[in-house]
Structure formats: C-alpha cells, structure tokens
Amino acid sequence: MNDKKDKIRTNLMTRLHELREAKGWSFRQVGLEADIEHKQYEGYEKGENIPGFFVLCRIADAYGISVSELLKGVHPVP
C-alpha cells in the first residue's frame, strides 16, 4: 500500500512540475494564478504534501485544464 501511495505522490510531483515548466511559470506565479501560497505549491511539487480536492481544482483552473486532465497519468494502473 505504501508503495502505491509513493508512486502516486511521485507521479503527481512530476505532473505538477511539467505543467509549471510548460507555462514557464515560477512557483510564485502558480501561487498567484491558483490563489494559493507559492510555498504550498512548491511543497506539492517537491512531494512534501499532497493537495486536497479544492486545491487541485484551483491548480487545474490556473492551468486552464480540468482536474481529470491534471491527474492524467498520476494514478498507476494496477
């Protein structure tokens, strides 16, 4: 079970990093766009924390994508 959680966390970290880099945004810019603290987002990208549903909604909205698209590929297929 722990391996599965770790894999999801790693995949989410990678996905958030890819999206931020694709936009050319800093952590501060993501924070402004998503209306969250930039250190909070940085923690998600570094795997220190996992965002809750409403934060995922804000992040997805900032990137102009759905939560489904944000999480695409994050959950490993069994």
C-alpha atoms as a PDB file:
ATOM      1  CA  MET A   1       0.000   0.000   0.000  1.00  0.00           C
ATOM      2  CA  ASN A   2       2.782   2.414   0.856  1.00  0.00           C
ATOM      3  CA  ASP A   3       4.478   1.750  -2.496  1.00  0.00           C
ATOM      4  CA  LYS A   4       1.268   2.700  -4.283  1.00  0.00           C
ATOM      5  CA  LYS A   5       0.991   5.962  -2.323  1.00  0.00           C
ATOM      6  CA  ASP A   6       4.626   6.763  -3.041  1.00  0.00           C
ATOM      7  CA  LYS A   7       4.094   6.128  -6.756  1.00  0.00           C
ATOM      8  CA  ILE A   8       1.044   8.420  -6.821  1.00  0.00           C
ATOM      9  CA  ARG A   9       2.971  11.129  -4.957  1.00  0.00           C
ATOM     10  CA  THR A  10       5.915  10.837  -7.361  1.00  0.00           C
ATOM     11  CA  ASN A  11       3.643  10.932 -10.410  1.00  0.00           C
ATOM     12  CA  LEU A  12       1.803  13.992  -9.071  1.00  0.00           C
ATOM     13  CA  MET A  13       5.106  15.763  -8.362  1.00  0.00           C
ATOM     14  CA  THR A  14       6.234  15.100 -11.925  1.00  0.00           C
ATOM     15  CA  ARG A  15       2.905  16.218 -13.411  1.00  0.00           C
ATOM     16  CA  LEU A  16       2.866  19.484 -11.460  1.00  0.00           C
ATOM     17  CA  HIS A  17       6.461  20.207 -12.447  1.00  0.00           C
ATOM     18  CA  GLU A  18       5.759  19.501 -16.132  1.00  0.00           C
ATOM     19  CA  LEU A  19       2.729  21.784 -16.168  1.00  0.00           C
ATOM     20  CA  ARG A  20       4.574  24.628 -14.452  1.00  0.00           C
ATOM     21  CA  GLU A  21       7.578  24.324 -16.759  1.00  0.00           C
ATOM     22  CA  ALA A  22       5.328  24.196 -19.850  1.00  0.00           C
ATOM     23  CA  LYS A  23       3.847  27.557 -18.829  1.00  0.00           C
ATOM     24  CA  GLY A  24       7.261  28.964 -17.944  1.00  0.00           C
ATOM     25  CA  TRP A  25       5.934  29.934 -14.529  1.00  0.00           C
ATOM     26  CA  SER A  26       7.746  30.327 -11.237  1.00  0.00           C
ATOM     27  CA  PHE A  27       6.308  28.913  -8.023  1.00  0.00           C
ATOM     28  CA  ARG A  28       5.196  32.440  -7.190  1.00  0.00           C
ATOM     29  CA  GLN A  29       3.311  32.745 -10.495  1.00  0.00           C
ATOM     30  CA  VAL A  30       1.479  29.456  -9.921  1.00  0.00           C
ATOM     31  CA  GLY A  31       0.546  30.648  -6.447  1.00  0.00           C
ATOM     32  CA  LEU A  32      -0.878  33.873  -7.832  1.00  0.00           C
ATOM     33  CA  GLU A  33      -2.790  32.132 -10.615  1.00  0.00           C
ATOM     34  CA  ALA A  34      -4.173  29.400  -8.324  1.00  0.00           C
ATOM     35  CA  ASP A  35      -4.749  31.710  -5.348  1.00  0.00           C
ATOM     36  CA  ILE A  36      -2.588  29.588  -3.038  1.00  0.00           C
ATOM     37  CA  GLU A  37       0.694  30.269  -1.277  1.00  0.00           C
ATOM     38  CA  HIS A  38       3.619  29.665  -3.605  1.00  0.00           C
ATOM     39  CA  LYS A  39       5.424  27.731  -0.844  1.00  0.00           C
ATOM     40  CA  GLN A  40       2.367  25.490  -0.614  1.00  0.00           C
ATOM     41  CA  TYR A  41       2.616  24.685  -4.325  1.00  0.00           C
ATOM     42  CA  GLU A  42       6.348  24.193  -4.059  1.00  0.00           C
ATOM     43  CA  GLY A  43       5.673  21.632  -1.318  1.00  0.00           C
ATOM     44  CA  TYR A  44       3.317  19.739  -3.628  1.00  0.00           C
ATOM     45  CA  GLU A  45       5.869  19.698  -6.418  1.00  0.00           C
ATOM     46  CA  LYS A  46       8.598  18.518  -4.031  1.00  0.00           C
ATOM     47  CA  GLY A  47       6.331  15.801  -2.607  1.00  0.00           C
ATOM     48  CA  GLU A  48       6.256  17.269   0.892  1.00  0.00           C
ATOM     49  CA  ASN A  49       2.445  17.484   0.826  1.00  0.00           C
ATOM     50  CA  ILE A  50      -0.444  16.255  -1.293  1.00  0.00           C
ATOM     51  CA  PRO A  51      -3.074  18.836  -2.300  1.00  0.00           C
ATOM     52  CA  GLY A  52      -6.697  18.320  -1.346  1.00  0.00           C
ATOM     53  CA  PHE A  53      -9.539  18.324  -3.828  1.00  0.00           C
ATOM     54  CA  PHE A  54     -10.328  22.046  -3.707  1.00  0.00           C
ATOM     55  CA  VAL A  55      -6.670  22.967  -4.125  1.00  0.00           C
ATOM     56  CA  LEU A  56      -6.449  20.587  -7.088  1.00  0.00           C
ATOM     57  CA  CYS A  57      -9.444  22.445  -8.563  1.00  0.00           C
ATOM     58  CA  ARG A  58      -7.650  25.781  -8.162  1.00  0.00           C
ATOM     59  CA  ILE A  59      -4.439  24.449  -9.678  1.00  0.00           C
ATOM     60  CA  ALA A  60      -6.273  22.904 -12.628  1.00  0.00           C
ATOM     61  CA  ASP A  61      -8.170  26.147 -13.198  1.00  0.00           C
ATOM     62  CA  ALA A  62      -4.915  28.116 -13.142  1.00  0.00           C
ATOM     63  CA  TYR A  63      -3.529  25.894 -15.886  1.00  0.00           C
ATOM     64  CA  GLY A  64      -6.784  26.049 -17.844  1.00  0.00           C
ATOM     65  CA  ILE A  65      -7.397  22.304 -17.630  1.00  0.00           C
ATOM     66  CA  SER A  66      -9.826  20.005 -15.830  1.00  0.00           C
ATOM     67  CA  VAL A  67      -8.935  18.168 -12.641  1.00  0.00           C
ATOM     68  CA  SER A  68      -9.197  14.991 -14.700  1.00  0.00           C
ATOM     69  CA  GLU A  69      -6.562  16.315 -17.104  1.00  0.00           C
ATOM     70  CA  LEU A  70      -4.410  17.493 -14.198  1.00  0.00           C
ATOM     71  CA  LEU A  71      -4.415  13.995 -12.720  1.00  0.00           C
ATOM     72  CA  LYS A  72      -3.975  12.202 -16.037  1.00  0.00           C
ATOM     73  CA  GLY A  73      -1.380   9.501 -15.560  1.00  0.00           C
ATOM     74  CA  VAL A  74      -0.954  10.191 -11.844  1.00  0.00           C
ATOM     75  CA  HIS A  75      -2.663   7.031 -10.544  1.00  0.00           C
ATOM     76  CA  PRO A  76      -0.772   3.889 -11.579  1.00  0.00           C
ATOM     77  CA  VAL A  77      -2.763   1.273 -13.421  1.00  0.00           C
ATOM     78  CA  PRO A  78      -2.967  -1.966 -11.356  1.00  0.00           C
END
